[in-house]
All heavy atoms as atom14 arrays in JSON, in Angstrom:
{
  "sequence": "VKALYLEGGEQVTTGQALLKLTNPGLELNYM",
  "atom14_mask": [
    [1, 1, 1, 1, 1, 1, 1, 0, 0, 0, 0, 0, 0, 0],
    [1, 1, 1, 1, 1, 1, 1, 1, 1, 0, 0, 0, 0, 0],
    [1, 1, 1, 1, 1, 0, 0, 0, 0, 0, 0, 0, 0, 0],
    [1, 1, 1, 1, 1, 1, 1, 1, 0, 0, 0, 0, 0, 0],
    [1, 1, 1, 1, 1, 1, 1, 1, 1, 1, 1, 1, 0, 0],
    [1, 1, 1, 1, 1, 1, 1, 1, 0, 0, 0, 0, 0, 0],
    [1, 1, 1, 1, 1, 1, 1, 1, 1, 0, 0, 0, 0, 0],
    [1, 1, 1, 1, 0, 0, 0, 0, 0, 0, 0, 0, 0, 0],
    [1, 1, 1, 1, 0, 0, 0, 0, 0, 0, 0, 0, 0, 0],
    [1, 1, 1, 1, 1, 1, 1, 1, 1, 0, 0, 0, 0, 0],
    [1, 1, 1, 1, 1, 1, 1, 1, 1, 0, 0, 0, 0, 0],
    [1, 1, 1, 1, 1, 1, 1, 0, 0, 0, 0, 0, 0, 0],
    [1, 1, 1, 1, 1, 1, 1, 0, 0, 0, 0, 0, 0, 0],
    [1, 1, 1, 1, 1, 1, 1, 0, 0, 0, 0, 0, 0, 0],
    [1, 1, 1, 1, 0, 0, 0, 0, 0, 0, 0, 0, 0, 0],
    [1, 1, 1, 1, 1, 1, 1, 1, 1, 0, 0, 0, 0, 0],
    [1, 1, 1, 1, 1, 0, 0, 0, 0, 0, 0, 0, 0, 0],
    [1, 1, 1, 1, 1, 1, 1, 1, 0, 0, 0, 0, 0, 0],
    [1, 1, 1, 1, 1, 1, 1, 1, 0, 0, 0, 0, 0, 0],
    [1, 1, 1, 1, 1, 1, 1, 1, 1, 0, 0, 0, 0, 0],
    [1, 1, 1, 1, 1, 1, 1, 1, 0, 0, 0, 0, 0, 0],
    [1, 1, 1, 1, 1, 1, 1, 0, 0, 0, 0, 0, 0, 0],
    [1, 1, 1, 1, 1, 1, 1, 1, 0, 0, 0, 0, 0, 0],
    [1, 1, 1, 1, 1, 1, 1, 0, 0, 0, 0, 0, 0, 0],
    [1, 1, 1, 1, 0, 0, 0, 0, 0, 0, 0, 0, 0, 0],
    [1, 1, 1, 1, 1, 1, 1, 1, 0, 0, 0, 0, 0, 0],
    [1, 1, 1, 1, 1, 1, 1, 1, 1, 0, 0, 0, 0, 0],
    [1, 1, 1, 1, 1, 1, 1, 1, 0, 0, 0, 0, 0, 0],
    [1, 1, 1, 1, 1, 1, 1, 1, 0, 0, 0, 0, 0, 0],
    [1, 1, 1, 1, 1, 1, 1, 1, 1, 1, 1, 1, 0, 0],
    [1, 1, 1, 1, 1, 1, 1, 1, 0, 0, 0, 0, 0, 0]
  ],
  "atom14_positions": [
    [[-2.78, -7.79, -0.34], [-1.75, -7.07, 0.41], [-0.37, -7.59, -0.01], [-0.06, -8.77, 0.14], [-1.95, -7.25, 1.93], [-0.85, -6.51, 2.69], [-3.31, -6.75, 2.35], [0.0, 0.0, 0.0], [0.0, 0.0, 0.0], [0.0, 0.0, 0.0], [0.0, 0.0, 0.0], [0.0, 0.0, 0.0], [0.0, 0.0, 0.0], [0.0, 0.0, 0.0]],
    [[0.43, -6.67, -0.55], [1.77, -7.04, -1.01], [2.83, -6.76, 0.05], [3.77, -7.54, 0.22], [2.09, -6.28, -2.3], [3.44, -6.63, -2.9], [3.67, -5.87, -4.2], [5.02, -6.24, -4.82], [5.24, -5.51, -6.09], [0.0, 0.0, 0.0], [0.0, 0.0, 0.0], [0.0, 0.0, 0.0], [0.0, 0.0, 0.0], [0.0, 0.0, 0.0]],
    [[2.68, -5.64, 0.77], [3.69, -5.28, 1.76], [3.06, -4.39, 2.82], [2.15, -3.6, 2.55], [4.87, -4.55, 1.1], [0.0, 0.0, 0.0], [0.0, 0.0, 0.0], [0.0, 0.0, 0.0], [0.0, 0.0, 0.0], [0.0, 0.0, 0.0], [0.0, 0.0, 0.0], [0.0, 0.0, 0.0], [0.0, 0.0, 0.0], [0.0, 0.0, 0.0]],
    [[3.52, -4.56, 4.07], [3.13, -3.71, 5.19], [4.36, -2.89, 5.6], [5.4, -3.46, 5.93], [2.64, -4.55, 6.38], [1.38, -5.4, 6.16], [1.09, -6.21, 7.42], [0.19, -4.52, 5.81], [0.0, 0.0, 0.0], [0.0, 0.0, 0.0], [0.0, 0.0, 0.0], [0.0, 0.0, 0.0], [0.0, 0.0, 0.0], [0.0, 0.0, 0.0]],
    [[4.21, -1.58, 5.58], [5.34, -0.72, 5.92], [5.37, -0.36, 7.4], [6.4, 0.07, 7.91], [5.3, 0.54, 5.07], [5.31, 0.26, 3.58], [4.34, 0.81, 2.75], [6.29, -0.55, 3.02], [4.35, 0.55, 1.38], [6.31, -0.81, 1.66], [5.33, -0.27, 0.85], [5.34, -0.53, -0.5], [0.0, 0.0, 0.0], [0.0, 0.0, 0.0]],
    [[4.24, -0.53, 8.09], [4.14, -0.23, 9.52], [3.3, -1.31, 10.19], [2.45, -1.94, 9.54], [3.51, 1.15, 9.76], [4.3, 2.37, 9.26], [3.45, 3.62, 9.41], [5.6, 2.53, 10.03], [0.0, 0.0, 0.0], [0.0, 0.0, 0.0], [0.0, 0.0, 0.0], [0.0, 0.0, 0.0], [0.0, 0.0, 0.0], [0.0, 0.0, 0.0]],
    [[3.51, -1.52, 11.48], [2.75, -2.52, 12.21], [1.55, -1.92, 12.93], [0.6, -2.61, 13.26], [3.65, -3.2, 13.24], [4.76, -4.04, 12.63], [4.22, -5.19, 11.8], [3.15, -5.72, 12.15], [4.86, -5.54, 10.8], [0.0, 0.0, 0.0], [0.0, 0.0, 0.0], [0.0, 0.0, 0.0], [0.0, 0.0, 0.0], [0.0, 0.0, 0.0]],
    [[1.58, -0.63, 13.2], [0.5, 0.0, 13.95], [0.96, 0.45, 15.32], [1.99, 0.0, 15.84], [0.0, 0.0, 0.0], [0.0, 0.0, 0.0], [0.0, 0.0, 0.0], [0.0, 0.0, 0.0], [0.0, 0.0, 0.0], [0.0, 0.0, 0.0], [0.0, 0.0, 0.0], [0.0, 0.0, 0.0], [0.0, 0.0, 0.0], [0.0, 0.0, 0.0]],
    [[0.2, 1.36, 15.92], [0.57, 1.9, 17.2], [1.73, 2.87, 17.1], [2.42, 3.13, 18.09], [0.0, 0.0, 0.0], [0.0, 0.0, 0.0], [0.0, 0.0, 0.0], [0.0, 0.0, 0.0], [0.0, 0.0, 0.0], [0.0, 0.0, 0.0], [0.0, 0.0, 0.0], [0.0, 0.0, 0.0], [0.0, 0.0, 0.0], [0.0, 0.0, 0.0]],
    [[1.96, 3.41, 15.89], [3.08, 4.31, 15.67], [2.58, 5.66, 15.17], [1.51, 5.76, 14.57], [4.05, 3.71, 14.64], [4.55, 2.31, 15.0], [5.36, 1.7, 13.87], [6.25, 2.38, 13.36], [5.07, 0.54, 13.51], [0.0, 0.0, 0.0], [0.0, 0.0, 0.0], [0.0, 0.0, 0.0], [0.0, 0.0, 0.0], [0.0, 0.0, 0.0]],
    [[3.39, 6.69, 15.37], [3.09, 8.01, 14.83], [3.37, 8.03, 13.34], [4.4, 7.52, 12.89], [3.94, 9.08, 15.53], [3.51, 9.39, 16.96], [2.23, 10.2, 17.01], [1.82, 10.82, 16.05], [1.58, 10.2, 18.17], [0.0, 0.0, 0.0], [0.0, 0.0, 0.0], [0.0, 0.0, 0.0], [0.0, 0.0, 0.0], [0.0, 0.0, 0.0]],
    [[2.44, 8.58, 12.57], [2.63, 8.68, 11.12], [2.46, 10.14, 10.71], [1.84, 10.93, 11.43], [1.62, 7.8, 10.36], [1.84, 6.34, 10.66], [0.17, 8.2, 10.69], [0.0, 0.0, 0.0], [0.0, 0.0, 0.0], [0.0, 0.0, 0.0], [0.0, 0.0, 0.0], [0.0, 0.0, 0.0], [0.0, 0.0, 0.0], [0.0, 0.0, 0.0]],
    [[3.01, 10.48, 9.56], [2.9, 11.83, 9.02], [2.1, 11.8, 7.72], [1.98, 10.75, 7.07], [4.29, 12.43, 8.76], [5.01, 11.56, 7.86], [5.06, 12.57, 10.05], [0.0, 0.0, 0.0], [0.0, 0.0, 0.0], [0.0, 0.0, 0.0], [0.0, 0.0, 0.0], [0.0, 0.0, 0.0], [0.0, 0.0, 0.0], [0.0, 0.0, 0.0]],
    [[1.57, 12.93, 7.35], [0.76, 13.03, 6.13], [1.55, 12.56, 4.92], [2.69, 13.0, 4.69], [0.3, 14.48, 5.93], [-0.43, 14.91, 7.08], [-0.6, 14.59, 4.71], [0.0, 0.0, 0.0], [0.0, 0.0, 0.0], [0.0, 0.0, 0.0], [0.0, 0.0, 0.0], [0.0, 0.0, 0.0], [0.0, 0.0, 0.0], [0.0, 0.0, 0.0]],
    [[0.95, 11.66, 4.13], [1.6, 11.14, 2.92], [2.48, 9.94, 3.14], [2.98, 9.36, 2.16], [0.0, 0.0, 0.0], [0.0, 0.0, 0.0], [0.0, 0.0, 0.0], [0.0, 0.0, 0.0], [0.0, 0.0, 0.0], [0.0, 0.0, 0.0], [0.0, 0.0, 0.0], [0.0, 0.0, 0.0], [0.0, 0.0, 0.0], [0.0, 0.0, 0.0]],
    [[2.68, 9.52, 4.38], [3.54, 8.37, 4.64], [2.87, 7.08, 4.19], [1.68, 6.85, 4.44], [3.87, 8.3, 6.13], [4.84, 7.18, 6.49], [5.23, 7.22, 7.96], [4.87, 8.14, 8.68], [5.98, 6.23, 8.4], [0.0, 0.0, 0.0], [0.0, 0.0, 0.0], [0.0, 0.0, 0.0], [0.0, 0.0, 0.0], [0.0, 0.0, 0.0]],
    [[3.61, 6.23, 3.5], [3.07, 4.95, 3.0], [2.84, 3.99, 4.16], [3.71, 3.81, 5.01], [4.02, 4.34, 1.99], [0.0, 0.0, 0.0], [0.0, 0.0, 0.0], [0.0, 0.0, 0.0], [0.0, 0.0, 0.0], [0.0, 0.0, 0.0], [0.0, 0.0, 0.0], [0.0, 0.0, 0.0], [0.0, 0.0, 0.0], [0.0, 0.0, 0.0]],
    [[1.66, 3.37, 4.16], [1.3, 2.44, 5.23], [1.38, 0.98, 4.75], [1.9, 0.12, 5.45], [-0.11, 2.73, 5.73], [-0.39, 4.19, 6.15], [-1.82, 4.33, 6.61], [0.58, 4.62, 7.23], [0.0, 0.0, 0.0], [0.0, 0.0, 0.0], [0.0, 0.0, 0.0], [0.0, 0.0, 0.0], [0.0, 0.0, 0.0], [0.0, 0.0, 0.0]],
    [[0.86, 0.73, 3.56], [0.91, -0.62, 3.0], [0.71, -0.52, 1.49], [0.29, 0.52, 0.97], [-0.14, -1.55, 3.61], [-1.61, -1.3, 3.23], [-2.39, -2.58, 3.35], [-2.24, -0.24, 4.09], [0.0, 0.0, 0.0], [0.0, 0.0, 0.0], [0.0, 0.0, 0.0], [0.0, 0.0, 0.0], [0.0, 0.0, 0.0], [0.0, 0.0, 0.0]],
    [[0.99, -1.6, 0.81], [0.85, -1.64, -0.65], [0.0, -2.83, -1.05], [0.19, -3.94, -0.52], [2.21, -1.7, -1.33], [2.13, -1.65, -2.86], [3.5, -1.56, -3.5], [3.4, -1.48, -5.03], [2.63, -0.3, -5.47], [0.0, 0.0, 0.0], [0.0, 0.0, 0.0], [0.0, 0.0, 0.0], [0.0, 0.0, 0.0], [0.0, 0.0, 0.0]],
    [[-0.92, -2.59, -1.99], [-1.76, -3.64, -2.54], [-1.33, -3.92, -3.97], [-0.73, -3.07, -4.63], [-3.23, -3.23, -2.53], [-3.84, -2.83, -1.18], [-5.27, -2.36, -1.38], [-3.8, -3.98, -0.19], [0.0, 0.0, 0.0], [0.0, 0.0, 0.0], [0.0, 0.0, 0.0], [0.0, 0.0, 0.0], [0.0, 0.0, 0.0], [0.0, 0.0, 0.0]],
    [[-1.65, -5.09, -4.45], [-1.41, -5.43, -5.84], [-2.69, -6.0, -6.45], [-3.43, -6.73, -5.78], [-0.26, -6.45, -5.98], [-0.07, -6.73, -7.37], [-0.57, -7.75, -5.24], [0.0, 0.0, 0.0], [0.0, 0.0, 0.0], [0.0, 0.0, 0.0], [0.0, 0.0, 0.0], [0.0, 0.0, 0.0], [0.0, 0.0, 0.0], [0.0, 0.0, 0.0]],
    [[-2.95, -5.62, -7.72], [-4.15, -6.07, -8.42], [-3.79, -6.26, -9.89], [-3.87, -5.31, -10.68], [-5.27, -5.05, -8.26], [-6.61, -5.56, -8.78], [-6.65, -6.35, -9.71], [-7.69, -5.11, -8.18], [0.0, 0.0, 0.0], [0.0, 0.0, 0.0], [0.0, 0.0, 0.0], [0.0, 0.0, 0.0], [0.0, 0.0, 0.0], [0.0, 0.0, 0.0]],
    [[-3.35, -7.47, -10.3], [-2.94, -7.7, -11.69], [-4.03, -7.35, -12.7], [-3.73, -6.82, -13.77], [-2.61, -9.2, -11.72], [-2.29, -9.55, -10.29], [-3.18, -8.67, -9.46], [0.0, 0.0, 0.0], [0.0, 0.0, 0.0], [0.0, 0.0, 0.0], [0.0, 0.0, 0.0], [0.0, 0.0, 0.0], [0.0, 0.0, 0.0], [0.0, 0.0, 0.0]],
    [[-5.28, -7.63, -12.36], [-6.36, -7.32, -13.29], [-6.48, -5.83, -13.54], [-6.66, -5.39, -14.68], [0.0, 0.0, 0.0], [0.0, 0.0, 0.0], [0.0, 0.0, 0.0], [0.0, 0.0, 0.0], [0.0, 0.0, 0.0], [0.0, 0.0, 0.0], [0.0, 0.0, 0.0], [0.0, 0.0, 0.0], [0.0, 0.0, 0.0], [0.0, 0.0, 0.0]],
    [[-6.36, -5.05, -12.48], [-6.44, -3.6, -12.61], [-5.26, -3.07, -13.43], [-5.43, -2.18, -14.28], [-6.45, -2.95, -11.24], [-6.56, -1.42, -11.21], [-7.88, -0.96, -11.81], [-6.41, -0.9, -9.78], [0.0, 0.0, 0.0], [0.0, 0.0, 0.0], [0.0, 0.0, 0.0], [0.0, 0.0, 0.0], [0.0, 0.0, 0.0], [0.0, 0.0, 0.0]],
    [[-4.08, -3.62, -13.2], [-2.9, -3.17, -13.93], [-3.03, -3.51, -15.42], [-2.66, -2.7, -16.29], [-1.65, -3.82, -13.34], [-1.37, -3.37, -11.91], [-0.3, -4.2, -11.23], [0.21, -5.13, -11.9], [0.01, -3.95, -10.06], [0.0, 0.0, 0.0], [0.0, 0.0, 0.0], [0.0, 0.0, 0.0], [0.0, 0.0, 0.0], [0.0, 0.0, 0.0]],
    [[-3.56, -4.71, -15.73], [-3.75, -5.09, -17.14], [-4.79, -4.19, -17.79], [-4.61, -3.72, -18.93], [-4.16, -6.56, -17.23], [-4.39, -7.11, -18.64], [-3.12, -7.01, -19.46], [-4.89, -8.56, -18.57], [0.0, 0.0, 0.0], [0.0, 0.0, 0.0], [0.0, 0.0, 0.0], [0.0, 0.0, 0.0], [0.0, 0.0, 0.0], [0.0, 0.0, 0.0]],
    [[-5.87, -3.94, -17.09], [-6.9, -3.05, -17.63], [-6.32, -1.65, -17.87], [-6.68, -0.97, -18.84], [-8.09, -2.96, -16.67], [-8.89, -4.25, -16.64], [-8.84, -5.03, -17.59], [-9.62, -4.48, -15.56], [0.0, 0.0, 0.0], [0.0, 0.0, 0.0], [0.0, 0.0, 0.0], [0.0, 0.0, 0.0], [0.0, 0.0, 0.0], [0.0, 0.0, 0.0]],
    [[-5.47, -1.23, -16.97], [-4.86, 0.1, -17.13], [-4.03, 0.16, -18.41], [-4.13, 1.11, -19.2], [-3.98, 0.41, -15.92], [-3.12, 1.64, -16.11], [-3.69, 2.92, -16.1], [-1.76, 1.51, -16.33], [-2.9, 4.04, -16.29], [-0.97, 2.63, -16.52], [-1.54, 3.89, -16.5], [-0.76, 5.0, -16.69], [0.0, 0.0, 0.0], [0.0, 0.0, 0.0]],
    [[-3.22, -0.89, -18.65], [-2.39, -0.87, -19.85], [-3.24, -0.92, -21.11], [-2.97, -0.21, -22.09], [-1.42, -2.05, -19.8], [-0.32, -1.9, -18.76], [0.94, -3.19, -18.83], [-0.02, -4.61, -18.25], [0.0, 0.0, 0.0], [0.0, 0.0, 0.0], [0.0, 0.0, 0.0], [0.0, 0.0, 0.0], [0.0, 0.0, 0.0], [0.0, 0.0, 0.0]]
  ]
}
């Protein structure tokens, strides 16, 4: 978990970012 954009208990809309993950291995494999 790299960042949390919301804490919870809130109204959200379709497509709204909730949190972001990071995976260096996946990114290297992608490149």
